[in-house]
């Protein structure tokens, strides 16, 4: 596979970044090429290929600080369609809040509305209950088969 997997990270406290780094190591151990985007801006991202999005919910269902610029674009009314993009979302939150994983759910829904193709079911991680690395490892291991069958550049 020659496609680079672009890993977008939305974090406030750093936990989501550590989780994305863990998944990156798994992908690269399977000879999959990755590129990390710790403060992704929509304009700087490729509009085709593969995005894996790790997004923590902050405050009242808000995107994490490092993805606010990205959010501003995809939440606008003049964002372009993304028919050549495939993606998967790992949403991170705490179930004690009403807005559990709301940012990841919004991002998943918005990308789908923009005609991007969901590669795999959204993963939701509860930082209060789950072992994040274990849950993400299982998810990405299942996702790898989909990634290997993705059309090459």
C-alpha atoms as a PDB file:
ATOM      1  CA  UNK A   1       0.000   0.000   0.000  1.00  0.00           C
ATOM      2  CA  UNK A   2       1.431   3.363  -0.977  1.00  0.00           C
ATOM      3  CA  UNK A   3      -1.216   5.654   0.508  1.00  0.00           C
ATOM      4  CA  UNK A   4      -0.187   7.707   3.479  1.00  0.00           C
ATOM      5  CA  UNK A   5      -2.636   7.538   6.359  1.00  0.00           C
ATOM      6  CA  UNK A   6      -3.095  11.036   7.737  1.00  0.00           C
ATOM      7  CA  UNK A   7      -3.683  10.952  11.486  1.00  0.00           C
ATOM      8  CA  UNK A   8      -5.480  14.050  12.764  1.00  0.00           C
ATOM      9  CA  UNK A   9      -5.265  14.710  16.493  1.00  0.00           C
ATOM     10  CA  UNK A  10      -7.645  16.845  18.517  1.00  0.00           C
ATOM     11  CA  UNK A  11      -6.478  17.011  22.120  1.00  0.00           C
ATOM     12  CA  UNK A  12      -6.563  19.361  25.061  1.00  0.00           C
ATOM     13  CA  UNK A  13      -4.763  17.479  27.830  1.00  0.00           C
ATOM     14  CA  UNK A  14      -2.508  15.252  25.709  1.00  0.00           C
ATOM     15  CA  UNK A  15      -4.235  11.910  26.321  1.00  0.00           C
ATOM     16  CA  UNK A  16      -5.628  11.782  22.798  1.00  0.00           C
ATOM     17  CA  UNK A  17      -2.219  12.599  21.340  1.00  0.00           C
ATOM     18  CA  UNK A  18      -0.652   9.705  23.262  1.00  0.00           C
ATOM     19  CA  UNK A  19      -3.382   7.389  21.990  1.00  0.00           C
ATOM     20  CA  UNK A  20      -2.888   8.525  18.383  1.00  0.00           C
ATOM     21  CA  UNK A  21       0.875   7.998  18.734  1.00  0.00           C
ATOM     22  CA  UNK A  22       0.194   4.462  19.996  1.00  0.00           C
ATOM     23  CA  UNK A  23      -2.004   3.706  16.978  1.00  0.00           C
ATOM     24  CA  UNK A  24       0.597   5.199  14.650  1.00  0.00           C
ATOM     25  CA  UNK A  25       3.167   2.727  16.002  1.00  0.00           C
ATOM     26  CA  UNK A  26       0.794  -0.177  15.315  1.00  0.00           C
ATOM     27  CA  UNK A  27       0.138   1.011  11.760  1.00  0.00           C
ATOM     28  CA  UNK A  28       3.828   1.487  11.030  1.00  0.00           C
ATOM     29  CA  UNK A  29       4.632  -1.948  12.486  1.00  0.00           C
ATOM     30  CA  UNK A  30       2.361  -3.270   9.712  1.00  0.00           C
ATOM     31  CA  UNK A  31       4.354  -1.313   7.091  1.00  0.00           C
ATOM     32  CA  UNK A  32       1.659   1.324   6.647  1.00  0.00           C
ATOM     33  CA  UNK A  33       2.824   4.877   5.989  1.00  0.00           C
ATOM     34  CA  UNK A  34       1.497   7.580   8.322  1.00  0.00           C
ATOM     35  CA  UNK A  35       1.719  11.313   8.788  1.00  0.00           C
ATOM     36  CA  UNK A  36       0.707  12.979  12.053  1.00  0.00           C
ATOM     37  CA  UNK A  37      -1.220  16.262  12.165  1.00  0.00           C
ATOM     38  CA  UNK A  38      -1.202  17.494  15.763  1.00  0.00           C
ATOM     39  CA  UNK A  39      -2.893  20.818  14.989  1.00  0.00           C
ATOM     40  CA  UNK A  40      -4.647  20.082  11.709  1.00  0.00           C
ATOM     41  CA  UNK A  41      -5.992  22.869   9.574  1.00  0.00           C
ATOM     42  CA  UNK A  42      -8.448  21.883   6.880  1.00  0.00           C
ATOM     43  CA  UNK A  43      -6.641  23.805   4.142  1.00  0.00           C
ATOM     44  CA  UNK A  44      -3.347  21.995   4.797  1.00  0.00           C
ATOM     45  CA  UNK A  45      -4.827  18.476   4.629  1.00  0.00           C
ATOM     46  CA  UNK A  46      -5.133  16.381   1.472  1.00  0.00           C
ATOM     47  CA  UNK A  47      -8.750  16.163   0.333  1.00  0.00           C
ATOM     48  CA  UNK A  48      -8.313  12.606  -0.919  1.00  0.00           C
ATOM     49  CA  UNK A  49      -6.855   9.477   0.620  1.00  0.00           C
ATOM     50  CA  UNK A  50      -7.279   8.412   4.233  1.00  0.00           C
ATOM     51  CA  UNK A  51      -7.804  10.352   7.441  1.00  0.00           C
ATOM     52  CA  UNK A  52      -7.828   8.705  10.871  1.00  0.00           C
ATOM     53  CA  UNK A  53      -9.232  11.230  13.305  1.00  0.00           C
ATOM     54  CA  UNK A  54      -8.589  11.077  17.047  1.00  0.00           C
ATOM     55  CA  UNK A  55     -10.796  13.674  18.663  1.00  0.00           C
ATOM     56  CA  UNK A  56     -11.419  14.459  22.311  1.00  0.00           C
ATOM     57  CA  UNK A  57     -14.578  16.228  23.375  1.00  0.00           C
ATOM     58  CA  UNK A  58     -13.917  19.288  25.502  1.00  0.00           C
ATOM     59  CA  UNK A  59     -16.290  21.407  27.554  1.00  0.00           C
ATOM     60  CA  UNK A  60     -19.916  21.315  26.416  1.00  0.00           C
ATOM     61  CA  UNK A  61     -19.385  19.006  23.436  1.00  0.00           C
ATOM     62  CA  UNK A  62     -16.710  21.154  21.827  1.00  0.00           C
ATOM     63  CA  UNK A  63     -13.792  20.084  19.686  1.00  0.00           C
ATOM     64  CA  UNK A  64     -10.468  19.921  21.477  1.00  0.00           C
ATOM     65  CA  UNK A  65      -8.359  23.065  21.259  1.00  0.00           C
ATOM     66  CA  UNK A  66      -5.920  21.689  18.694  1.00  0.00           C
ATOM     67  CA  UNK A  67      -8.736  21.130  16.162  1.00  0.00           C
ATOM     68  CA  UNK A  68     -10.664  24.380  16.462  1.00  0.00           C
ATOM     69  CA  UNK A  69      -9.410  25.681  13.096  1.00  0.00           C
ATOM     70  CA  UNK A  70     -10.435  22.394  11.473  1.00  0.00           C
ATOM     71  CA  UNK A  71     -13.856  22.639  13.128  1.00  0.00           C
ATOM     72  CA  UNK A  72     -14.401  26.204  11.910  1.00  0.00           C
ATOM     73  CA  UNK A  73     -14.085  25.016   8.311  1.00  0.00           C
ATOM     74  CA  UNK A  74     -16.116  21.806   8.436  1.00  0.00           C
ATOM     75  CA  UNK A  75     -18.881  23.529  10.401  1.00  0.00           C
ATOM     76  CA  UNK A  76     -19.182  26.290   7.806  1.00  0.00           C
ATOM     77  CA  UNK A  77     -21.707  26.286   4.991  1.00  0.00           C
ATOM     78  CA  UNK A  78     -19.179  26.663   2.187  1.00  0.00           C
ATOM     79  CA  UNK A  79     -16.951  23.658   2.878  1.00  0.00           C
ATOM     80  CA  UNK A  80     -16.183  21.601  -0.257  1.00  0.00           C
ATOM     81  CA  UNK A  81     -17.448  18.061  -0.742  1.00  0.00           C
ATOM     82  CA  UNK A  82     -14.908  15.290  -0.084  1.00  0.00           C
ATOM     83  CA  UNK A  83     -15.884  12.387  -2.379  1.00  0.00           C
ATOM     84  CA  UNK A  84     -12.275  11.151  -2.685  1.00  0.00           C
ATOM     85  CA  UNK A  85     -11.674  10.960   1.054  1.00  0.00           C
ATOM     86  CA  UNK A  86     -12.033   7.912   3.308  1.00  0.00           C
ATOM     87  CA  UNK A  87     -11.926   8.263   7.068  1.00  0.00           C
ATOM     88  CA  UNK A  88     -12.389   6.664  10.463  1.00  0.00           C
ATOM     89  CA  UNK A  89     -13.015   8.429  13.768  1.00  0.00           C
ATOM     90  CA  UNK A  90     -11.873   7.566  17.267  1.00  0.00           C
ATOM     91  CA  UNK A  91     -13.918   9.726  19.634  1.00  0.00           C
ATOM     92  CA  UNK A  92     -12.672  10.229  23.174  1.00  0.00           C
ATOM     93  CA  UNK A  93     -14.675  11.472  26.132  1.00  0.00           C
ATOM     94  CA  UNK A  94     -15.927  10.790  29.629  1.00  0.00           C
ATOM     95  CA  UNK A  95     -19.348   9.179  30.032  1.00  0.00           C
ATOM     96  CA  UNK A  96     -20.111  11.212  33.144  1.00  0.00           C
ATOM     97  CA  UNK A  97     -20.863  14.138  30.804  1.00  0.00           C
ATOM     98  CA  UNK A  98     -24.020  14.543  28.711  1.00  0.00           C
ATOM     99  CA  UNK A  99     -21.822  15.464  25.748  1.00  0.00           C
ATOM    100  CA  UNK A 100     -19.855  12.187  25.817  1.00  0.00           C
ATOM    101  CA  UNK A 101     -17.872  11.910  22.545  1.00  0.00           C
ATOM    102  CA  UNK A 102     -20.001  14.661  20.981  1.00  0.00           C
ATOM    103  CA  UNK A 103     -17.126  16.212  19.011  1.00  0.00           C
ATOM    104  CA  UNK A 104     -16.191  12.874  17.428  1.00  0.00           C
ATOM    105  CA  UNK A 105     -19.828  12.135  16.624  1.00  0.00           C
ATOM    106  CA  UNK A 106     -20.200  15.556  14.991  1.00  0.00           C
ATOM    107  CA  UNK A 107     -17.014  15.123  12.963  1.00  0.00           C
ATOM    108  CA  UNK A 108     -18.092  11.656  11.789  1.00  0.00           C
ATOM    109  CA  UNK A 109     -21.526  12.908  10.753  1.00  0.00           C
ATOM    110  CA  UNK A 110     -20.173  16.030   9.048  1.00  0.00           C
ATOM    111  CA  UNK A 111     -17.614  14.105   6.976  1.00  0.00           C
ATOM    112  CA  UNK A 112     -20.336  11.688   5.903  1.00  0.00           C
ATOM    113  CA  UNK A 113     -22.552  14.615   4.839  1.00  0.00           C
ATOM    114  CA  UNK A 114     -19.593  15.943   2.825  1.00  0.00           C
ATOM    115  CA  UNK A 115     -19.592  12.667   0.832  1.00  0.00           C
ATOM    116  CA  UNK A 116     -16.457  11.243   2.446  1.00  0.00           C
ATOM    117  CA  UNK A 117     -16.501   7.458   2.861  1.00  0.00           C
ATOM    118  CA  UNK A 118     -16.495   6.000   6.365  1.00  0.00           C
ATOM    119  CA  UNK A 119     -13.897   3.204   6.340  1.00  0.00           C
ATOM    120  CA  UNK A 120     -14.862   1.731   9.669  1.00  0.00           C
ATOM    121  CA  UNK A 121     -17.332   2.172  12.497  1.00  0.00           C
ATOM    122  CA  UNK A 122     -16.560   5.041  14.857  1.00  0.00           C
ATOM    123  CA  UNK A 123     -14.756   4.011  18.030  1.00  0.00           C
ATOM    124  CA  UNK A 124     -15.882   5.718  21.229  1.00  0.00           C
ATOM    125  CA  UNK A 125     -13.534   5.560  24.192  1.00  0.00           C
ATOM    126  CA  UNK A 126     -14.702   6.374  27.698  1.00  0.00           C
ATOM    127  CA  UNK A 127     -11.706   7.656  29.626  1.00  0.00           C
ATOM    128  CA  UNK A 128     -13.577   6.857  32.861  1.00  0.00           C
ATOM    129  CA  UNK A 129     -14.183   3.169  32.106  1.00  0.00           C
ATOM    130  CA  UNK A 130     -12.084   1.904  29.185  1.00  0.00           C
ATOM    131  CA  UNK A 131      -8.436   0.990  28.764  1.00  0.00           C
ATOM    132  CA  UNK A 132      -7.853   3.414  25.868  1.00  0.00           C
ATOM    133  CA  UNK A 133      -4.773   1.726  24.395  1.00  0.00           C
ATOM    134  CA  UNK A 134      -6.346  -1.726  24.532  1.00  0.00           C
ATOM    135  CA  UNK A 135      -9.597  -0.592  22.933  1.00  0.00           C
ATOM    136  CA  UNK A 136      -7.818   1.450  20.240  1.00  0.00           C
ATOM    137  CA  UNK A 137      -5.396  -1.410  19.517  1.00  0.00           C
ATOM    138  CA  UNK A 138      -8.271  -3.808  18.846  1.00  0.00           C
ATOM    139  CA  UNK A 139     -10.030  -1.241  16.660  1.00  0.00           C
ATOM    140  CA  UNK A 140      -6.993  -0.415  14.541  1.00  0.00           C
ATOM    141  CA  UNK A 141      -6.073  -4.094  14.159  1.00  0.00           C
ATOM    142  CA  UNK A 142      -9.497  -4.687  12.597  1.00  0.00           C
ATOM    143  CA  UNK A 143      -9.159  -1.512  10.551  1.00  0.00           C
ATOM    144  CA  UNK A 144      -5.819  -2.587   9.052  1.00  0.00           C
ATOM    145  CA  UNK A 145      -7.512  -5.090   6.711  1.00  0.00           C
ATOM    146  CA  UNK A 146      -9.673  -2.281   5.329  1.00  0.00           C
ATOM    147  CA  UNK A 147      -6.633  -0.062   4.946  1.00  0.00           C
ATOM    148  CA  UNK A 148      -4.714  -2.742   3.053  1.00  0.00           C
ATOM    149  CA  UNK A 149      -7.563  -3.120   0.551  1.00  0.00           C
ATOM    150  CA  UNK A 150      -7.825   0.633  -0.016  1.00  0.00           C
ATOM    151  CA  UNK A 151      -7.072   1.635  -3.634  1.00  0.00           C
ATOM    152  CA  UNK A 152      -3.464   2.649  -4.061  1.00  0.00           C
ATOM    153  CA  UNK A 153      -2.321   6.019  -5.396  1.00  0.00           C
END
